[in-house]
Protein backbone atom coordinates (compact mmCIF):
# COMPACT_ATOMS: atom_id res chain seq x y z
CA MET A 1 -2.69 -68.56 23.49
CA THR A 2 -0.38 -67.52 21.42
CA TYR A 3 0.10 -68.23 17.77
CA GLN A 4 2.95 -70.72 16.44
CA LEU A 5 6.06 -68.90 15.73
CA PRO A 6 7.72 -69.52 12.48
CA ASP A 7 10.56 -72.24 12.71
CA GLY A 8 13.59 -70.76 14.31
CA TYR A 9 11.33 -67.68 15.80
CA THR A 10 11.62 -67.64 19.59
CA SER A 11 9.86 -66.12 22.42
CA ARG A 12 10.03 -65.43 26.12
CA PRO A 13 9.53 -62.68 29.20
CA ALA A 14 11.52 -59.61 29.41
CA THR A 15 14.49 -59.08 32.20
CA THR A 16 15.96 -56.12 33.02
CA GLU A 17 18.96 -56.92 31.01
CA ASP A 18 16.42 -56.66 27.80
CA ALA A 19 15.81 -52.57 28.47
CA GLU A 20 18.57 -51.52 26.48
CA PRO A 21 17.67 -53.89 23.22
CA VAL A 22 13.66 -52.68 23.89
CA ALA A 23 14.76 -49.05 23.89
CA ALA A 24 16.38 -49.51 20.41
CA LEU A 25 13.29 -51.54 18.85
CA TRP A 26 10.91 -48.54 20.07
CA ASN A 27 13.57 -46.00 18.81
CA THR A 28 13.91 -48.11 15.31
CA ARG A 29 10.36 -47.90 15.04
CA SER A 30 9.75 -44.53 15.84
CA GLU A 31 13.01 -43.18 13.69
CA ALA A 32 10.93 -45.06 10.44
CA ILE A 33 7.23 -43.66 11.41
CA ARG A 34 8.07 -40.09 12.53
CA ASP A 35 11.96 -39.50 12.43
CA GLU A 36 12.63 -39.06 16.26
CA ARG A 37 14.08 -41.56 18.82
CA PRO A 38 11.74 -41.21 22.04
CA SER A 39 13.27 -43.91 24.28
CA SER A 40 16.29 -44.76 26.24
CA THR A 41 17.16 -47.87 28.38
CA GLU A 42 16.53 -45.63 31.71
CA ARG A 43 12.90 -44.71 30.19
CA VAL A 44 12.28 -48.47 29.87
CA LEU A 45 13.36 -49.35 33.25
CA LYS A 46 11.29 -46.73 34.72
CA ALA A 47 8.18 -47.74 32.86
CA TRP A 48 8.81 -51.24 34.23
CA ASP A 49 9.90 -50.11 37.97
CA HIS A 50 6.08 -50.22 38.92
CA PRO A 51 4.68 -51.89 41.97
CA LYS A 52 1.70 -53.52 39.93
CA PHE A 53 3.88 -54.64 36.88
CA ASN A 54 5.40 -58.03 36.96
CA LEU A 55 8.15 -58.25 34.04
CA SER A 56 8.03 -62.01 34.07
CA ASP A 57 4.41 -62.10 33.83
CA ASP A 58 3.64 -58.85 31.73
CA SER A 59 6.04 -58.59 29.13
CA ARG A 60 6.55 -60.82 26.01
CA LEU A 61 9.90 -60.33 23.81
CA VAL A 62 9.94 -62.51 19.84
CA PHE A 63 13.29 -62.68 18.10
CA ALA A 64 14.37 -63.72 14.93
CA PRO A 65 16.48 -66.82 14.10
CA ASP A 66 19.80 -64.63 14.05
CA GLY A 67 19.09 -63.69 17.82
CA ALA A 68 17.68 -60.00 16.93
CA LEU A 69 14.64 -58.60 18.64
CA ILE A 70 11.55 -58.23 16.53
CA GLY A 71 8.70 -57.61 18.55
CA TYR A 72 8.08 -56.65 22.10
CA ALA A 73 4.74 -56.13 23.81
CA HIS A 74 3.69 -55.87 27.59
CA ILE A 75 0.10 -55.39 29.75
CA ARG A 76 0.18 -53.37 32.59
CA ASP A 77 -2.86 -54.35 35.05
CA VAL A 78 -2.78 -50.97 37.37
CA LYS A 79 -6.21 -50.09 38.16
CA ASP A 80 -8.26 -50.92 41.25
CA PRO A 81 -10.56 -52.53 40.37
CA PRO A 82 -8.77 -53.85 37.32
CA VAL A 83 -11.27 -52.71 34.59
CA ASP A 84 -9.04 -51.33 32.09
CA VAL A 85 -5.79 -52.81 31.00
CA TYR A 86 -2.89 -51.03 29.46
CA SER A 87 -0.92 -52.49 26.70
CA GLY A 88 1.97 -51.43 24.62
CA ARG A 89 3.89 -53.16 21.62
CA SER A 90 6.21 -52.62 18.84
CA VAL A 91 7.50 -54.39 15.91
CA HIS A 92 10.36 -53.78 14.10
CA PRO A 93 9.67 -51.96 10.68
CA ASP A 94 11.24 -54.70 8.69
CA TYR A 95 7.99 -57.23 10.14
CA ASP A 96 5.49 -54.91 9.12
CA ASP A 97 3.75 -57.19 6.73
CA ALA A 98 4.51 -60.21 9.00
CA GLU A 99 1.23 -61.17 10.38
CA TRP A 100 2.09 -63.80 12.26
CA LEU A 101 3.94 -61.52 14.11
CA TRP A 102 1.33 -59.47 15.20
CA ASP A 103 -0.79 -61.80 15.42
CA ASP A 104 1.34 -63.33 18.25
CA LEU A 105 1.79 -60.26 20.14
CA PHE A 106 -1.85 -59.16 20.12
CA SER A 107 -2.92 -62.51 21.07
CA TRP A 108 -0.72 -63.05 23.84
CA MET A 109 -1.62 -59.57 25.12
CA GLU A 110 -5.19 -60.58 25.00
CA ALA A 111 -4.80 -63.51 26.93
CA GLU A 112 -2.59 -61.78 29.54
CA ALA A 113 -5.49 -59.18 30.25
CA ARG A 114 -8.22 -61.40 30.55
CA ARG A 115 -6.62 -62.70 33.76
CA VAL A 116 -7.91 -59.43 35.30
CA ILE A 117 -11.34 -60.38 34.65
CA PRO A 118 -12.00 -62.84 38.35
CA ARG A 119 -10.98 -59.57 40.10
CA ALA A 120 -13.37 -57.17 38.59
CA PRO A 121 -16.82 -56.45 39.59
CA GLU A 122 -18.90 -58.78 37.99
CA ASP A 123 -21.14 -56.28 36.06
CA ALA A 124 -18.17 -54.22 35.22
CA LEU A 125 -17.19 -53.43 31.82
CA ILE A 126 -13.41 -54.71 31.13
CA ALA A 127 -11.55 -53.30 28.39
CA LEU A 128 -7.92 -53.35 26.70
CA ILE A 129 -6.66 -50.13 25.97
CA ALA A 130 -3.77 -49.51 23.42
CA GLY A 131 -1.89 -46.20 21.98
CA THR A 132 -0.49 -45.36 18.76
CA LEU A 133 1.06 -42.40 16.80
CA GLU A 134 -1.34 -40.69 14.00
CA GLN A 135 1.47 -41.51 11.55
CA ASP A 136 1.57 -44.89 12.43
CA LEU A 137 -0.65 -46.21 9.82
CA MET A 138 0.20 -50.06 9.99
CA GLU A 139 -0.18 -50.29 13.92
CA GLN A 140 -3.80 -48.55 13.29
CA ARG A 141 -4.44 -51.20 10.51
CA GLU A 142 -3.32 -54.03 12.79
CA LEU A 143 -5.37 -52.96 15.65
CA GLU A 144 -8.28 -52.66 13.95
CA ARG A 145 -8.00 -55.83 12.33
CA HIS A 146 -7.37 -57.31 15.78
CA GLY A 147 -10.96 -55.67 16.92
CA PHE A 148 -9.97 -52.53 18.41
CA LYS A 149 -11.56 -49.39 17.65
CA HIS A 150 -10.62 -45.70 18.03
CA ASP A 151 -11.97 -43.76 20.67
CA ARG A 152 -9.77 -40.52 21.73
CA THR A 153 -7.15 -38.14 20.17
CA PHE A 154 -4.64 -36.93 22.64
CA HIS A 155 -2.48 -34.07 21.42
CA ARG A 156 0.90 -33.06 22.45
CA MET A 157 1.42 -29.65 22.80
CA ARG A 158 4.71 -27.46 23.21
CA ILE A 159 6.01 -24.13 24.18
CA ASP A 160 9.10 -22.58 23.49
CA PHE A 161 10.77 -20.09 25.70
CA ASP A 162 12.23 -17.29 24.46
CA GLY A 163 12.90 -14.93 27.49
CA SER A 164 9.25 -12.98 27.24
CA VAL A 165 7.16 -16.20 29.55
CA ALA A 166 4.34 -13.77 30.59
CA PRO A 167 3.98 -13.34 34.48
CA ALA A 168 1.63 -15.35 36.36
CA VAL A 169 -1.01 -13.06 38.02
CA LEU A 170 -2.53 -14.77 40.68
CA PRO A 171 -6.56 -14.27 41.66
CA ASP A 172 -7.03 -12.64 45.08
CA GLY A 173 -6.56 -14.90 47.73
CA ILE A 174 -4.15 -17.39 45.73
CA SER A 175 -0.45 -17.84 46.54
CA VAL A 176 1.93 -20.48 44.99
CA ARG A 177 4.28 -22.98 46.81
CA ALA A 178 6.14 -26.32 46.17
CA ALA A 179 4.76 -29.61 47.53
CA VAL A 180 6.35 -30.81 51.01
CA PRO A 181 6.60 -34.46 50.67
CA GLY A 182 5.49 -36.01 53.80
CA LYS A 183 3.25 -33.18 54.78
CA ASP A 184 1.01 -32.44 51.34
CA ASP A 185 0.57 -36.37 50.36
CA ILE A 186 -2.78 -36.83 51.36
CA GLU A 187 -4.06 -33.63 50.40
CA LEU A 188 -2.46 -33.81 47.07
CA VAL A 189 -4.11 -37.20 46.48
CA THR A 190 -7.60 -35.37 47.50
CA VAL A 191 -6.99 -32.92 45.07
CA TYR A 192 -6.15 -34.69 42.48
CA ARG A 193 -9.24 -37.06 42.52
CA GLU A 194 -11.79 -33.75 42.93
CA ALA A 195 -10.18 -32.64 39.84
CA PHE A 196 -9.81 -35.55 37.35
CA ALA A 197 -13.27 -37.17 38.69
CA GLU A 198 -14.59 -36.85 35.14
CA HIS A 199 -11.66 -36.85 33.04
CA TYR A 200 -11.77 -39.66 30.25
CA GLY A 201 -9.78 -42.69 31.50
CA ILE A 202 -9.90 -41.82 35.21
CA LEU A 203 -11.09 -44.47 37.82
CA GLN A 204 -12.37 -43.89 40.99
CA GLN A 205 -9.81 -46.18 43.02
CA PRO A 206 -9.70 -46.60 46.72
CA PHE A 207 -7.97 -43.35 48.24
CA GLU A 208 -4.79 -45.72 49.32
CA THR A 209 -4.44 -47.14 45.59
CA ASP A 210 -4.28 -43.59 44.41
CA LEU A 211 -1.97 -42.41 47.86
CA GLU A 212 -0.09 -45.55 47.01
CA GLU A 213 0.29 -44.33 43.47
CA TRP A 214 1.48 -40.79 44.36
CA ARG A 215 4.16 -41.66 46.59
CA HIS A 216 5.72 -43.88 44.05
CA LEU A 217 6.01 -40.86 41.78
CA MET A 218 7.53 -39.04 44.82
CA SER A 219 10.21 -41.97 45.40
CA GLU A 220 11.62 -42.02 41.61
CA ASP A 221 14.79 -40.62 40.67
CA ASP A 222 13.68 -37.74 38.79
CA PHE A 223 11.34 -36.56 41.77
CA ASP A 224 11.90 -32.58 42.24
CA ALA A 225 9.52 -31.21 44.76
CA SER A 226 10.39 -27.76 43.77
CA LEU A 227 8.72 -28.27 40.54
CA TRP A 228 5.71 -29.49 42.15
CA PHE A 229 3.15 -26.34 42.56
CA LEU A 230 0.56 -26.12 44.52
CA ALA A 231 -2.35 -23.16 44.86
CA THR A 232 -3.34 -22.43 47.98
CA ASP A 233 -6.12 -20.50 49.24
CA THR A 234 -5.34 -18.12 52.18
CA THR A 235 -8.67 -17.02 52.67
CA GLU A 236 -9.68 -20.85 53.24
CA GLY A 237 -7.06 -21.66 55.68
CA GLY A 238 -4.46 -22.45 53.01
CA ALA A 239 -6.48 -24.72 51.51
CA VAL A 240 -5.28 -26.72 47.94
CA ALA A 241 -7.22 -25.01 45.44
CA GLY A 242 -5.27 -26.56 42.56
CA PHE A 243 -1.67 -28.35 41.50
CA CYS A 244 0.35 -28.37 38.68
CA VAL A 245 3.22 -31.23 38.53
CA CYS A 246 6.64 -30.93 36.05
CA TYR A 247 9.56 -32.69 35.48
CA ALA A 248 12.89 -30.98 34.58
CA GLU A 249 13.39 -33.52 31.43
CA ALA A 250 10.22 -34.75 28.99
CA PRO A 251 10.64 -38.12 28.08
CA ARG A 252 10.74 -37.53 24.43
CA ASP A 253 12.89 -34.41 24.35
CA PRO A 254 15.42 -33.60 27.47
CA LYS A 255 15.70 -29.86 26.43
CA LEU A 256 12.20 -29.61 27.36
CA ALA A 257 10.40 -29.98 30.93
CA LEU A 258 7.54 -31.91 31.02
CA ILE A 259 4.04 -30.75 32.55
CA ASP A 260 2.47 -34.02 34.00
CA GLU A 261 -0.31 -32.90 35.74
CA LEU A 262 -2.41 -29.65 36.04
CA GLY A 263 -5.56 -29.68 38.26
CA VAL A 264 -8.09 -27.46 39.65
CA ARG A 265 -10.71 -28.50 42.13
CA PRO A 266 -14.22 -27.43 40.96
CA ALA A 267 -15.18 -25.13 43.73
CA TRP A 268 -12.29 -22.93 42.57
CA ARG A 269 -12.43 -23.12 38.92
CA ARG A 270 -13.45 -20.12 36.17
CA ARG A 271 -10.90 -18.02 38.69
CA GLY A 272 -7.83 -17.94 36.76
CA ILE A 273 -6.01 -20.41 38.70
CA GLY A 274 -4.88 -23.20 36.03
CA GLN A 275 -3.37 -20.59 33.63
CA ALA A 276 -1.86 -19.19 36.85
CA LEU A 277 -0.10 -22.25 37.86
CA LEU A 278 0.93 -23.09 34.25
CA LEU A 279 2.62 -19.55 33.98
CA HIS A 280 4.06 -20.10 37.34
CA ALA A 281 5.45 -22.91 36.16
CA PHE A 282 6.75 -21.75 32.62
CA ALA A 283 8.69 -18.81 34.69
CA GLU A 284 10.18 -21.23 37.01
CA LEU A 285 11.48 -23.38 34.22
CA ALA A 286 12.50 -21.07 32.18
CA GLY A 287 14.11 -19.65 35.29
CA ARG A 288 16.47 -22.79 34.97
CA GLU A 289 17.49 -22.47 31.03
CA ILE A 290 15.16 -25.04 30.13
CA GLN A 291 14.27 -24.40 26.38
CA GLY A 292 10.68 -25.13 26.82
CA ALA A 293 7.93 -27.40 27.56
CA MET A 294 5.57 -29.93 26.56
CA LEU A 295 2.24 -32.05 27.92
CA ASN A 296 -0.69 -34.25 26.78
CA VAL A 297 -3.98 -33.48 26.37
CA ASP A 298 -7.67 -35.02 25.62
CA THR A 299 -9.16 -33.23 22.71
CA GLU A 300 -11.94 -33.84 24.35
CA ASN A 301 -11.29 -32.42 27.54
CA LYS A 302 -14.34 -31.30 29.44
CA SER A 303 -12.68 -28.53 31.34
CA GLY A 304 -11.80 -26.52 28.23
CA ALA A 305 -7.95 -27.30 28.59
CA PRO A 306 -7.02 -27.16 24.87
CA ALA A 307 -8.12 -23.43 24.79
CA LEU A 308 -6.28 -22.56 28.16
CA TYR A 309 -2.84 -24.42 26.46
CA GLU A 310 -3.45 -22.45 23.21
CA HIS A 311 -4.11 -19.01 25.08
CA VAL A 312 -0.64 -19.35 26.66
CA GLY A 313 1.42 -20.23 23.88
CA MET A 314 1.29 -23.69 23.51
CA ARG A 315 0.96 -25.77 19.97
CA SER A 316 0.15 -29.01 19.06
CA VAL A 317 2.94 -30.99 17.93
CA GLN A 318 1.70 -34.37 17.55
CA ALA A 319 -1.28 -36.52 17.84
CA SER A 320 -1.69 -39.92 19.42
CA LEU A 321 -4.58 -42.37 18.98
CA THR A 322 -6.30 -43.80 21.75
CA TYR A 323 -7.64 -47.74 20.58
CA VAL A 324 -10.11 -49.76 22.76
CA LYS A 325 -11.11 -53.53 22.85
CA GLU A 326 -13.94 -54.63 25.11
CA LEU A 327 -13.05 -58.11 26.81
CA ARG A 328 -16.14 -58.49 28.41
CA PRO A 329 -19.50 -56.41 28.14
CA GLY A 330 -20.67 -54.39 31.33
CA VAL A 331 -21.21 -51.18 32.83
CA ASN A 332 -18.75 -48.84 32.34
CA LEU A 333 -17.04 -47.54 35.31
CA ILE A 334 -15.08 -44.79 33.68
CA PRO A 335 -15.59 -41.45 32.50
CA GLN A 336 -16.32 -41.35 29.01
């Protein structure tokens, strides 16, 4: 169900040719809210290039009578089973007070998200997930008006390399090497599943589903195996104890690298492996003349990650809020 658009306004699904105006819409809103332009045509196309994302079914554009793009929404049904559906939306700031536009986008997202219900376990809770910046008070108001509740806060943390990156001190028996695609795929997924088993929002999916996701990441243009670091334990036959996945360019700032994932298996924790991996990554990135690095962290992370990141010199530069709307009550299959 969607609301009736005013006369002259139209809507349709997106096509790949719409990536540039969609990026421009995101940037227009972001500039109005926080004076930054985080999107690009390439970033939008990358987000759409997912094996479980169908652009014709999972996106909606709304146009003004003059043809200008004023609203965008998408859903991402990517989990197995599909108990969480992720959503995104952007409204041109000139239309912030147009409740009919917000109503249209939110009603479309909810209706499309409900398509997953027949494919989910009968007793499972189904939720629609949305995120927004802490500065976007209008979007927060609209999320709450449409039945969403604030559930979690994440921080974007940053470090600037100034030539004095602290050396990585590896625990006895631990060494660091780059991942080898095709050789390390299965063990990398095994380590990821163990390291993030209790993290917020992580669903324990079938192993093959996770393996497909990771191999998709390794097929993308910005994948660089030399920046996927594995900590191995020589006393355990070279078993992978932890990993740090990095990209040379962060989505919001190409001058910074992205620390995308950092995890240590439970049996190897409290030995300084996470810190050693992070400092090893900083040194490698700084050696490539990259200005700094950023990452995102859950403020309620149970492993103490925020304290680790502060300890190595990172600072919070942006908070984002996760909102949740329950579409069907039931047993929550995802850690909180």
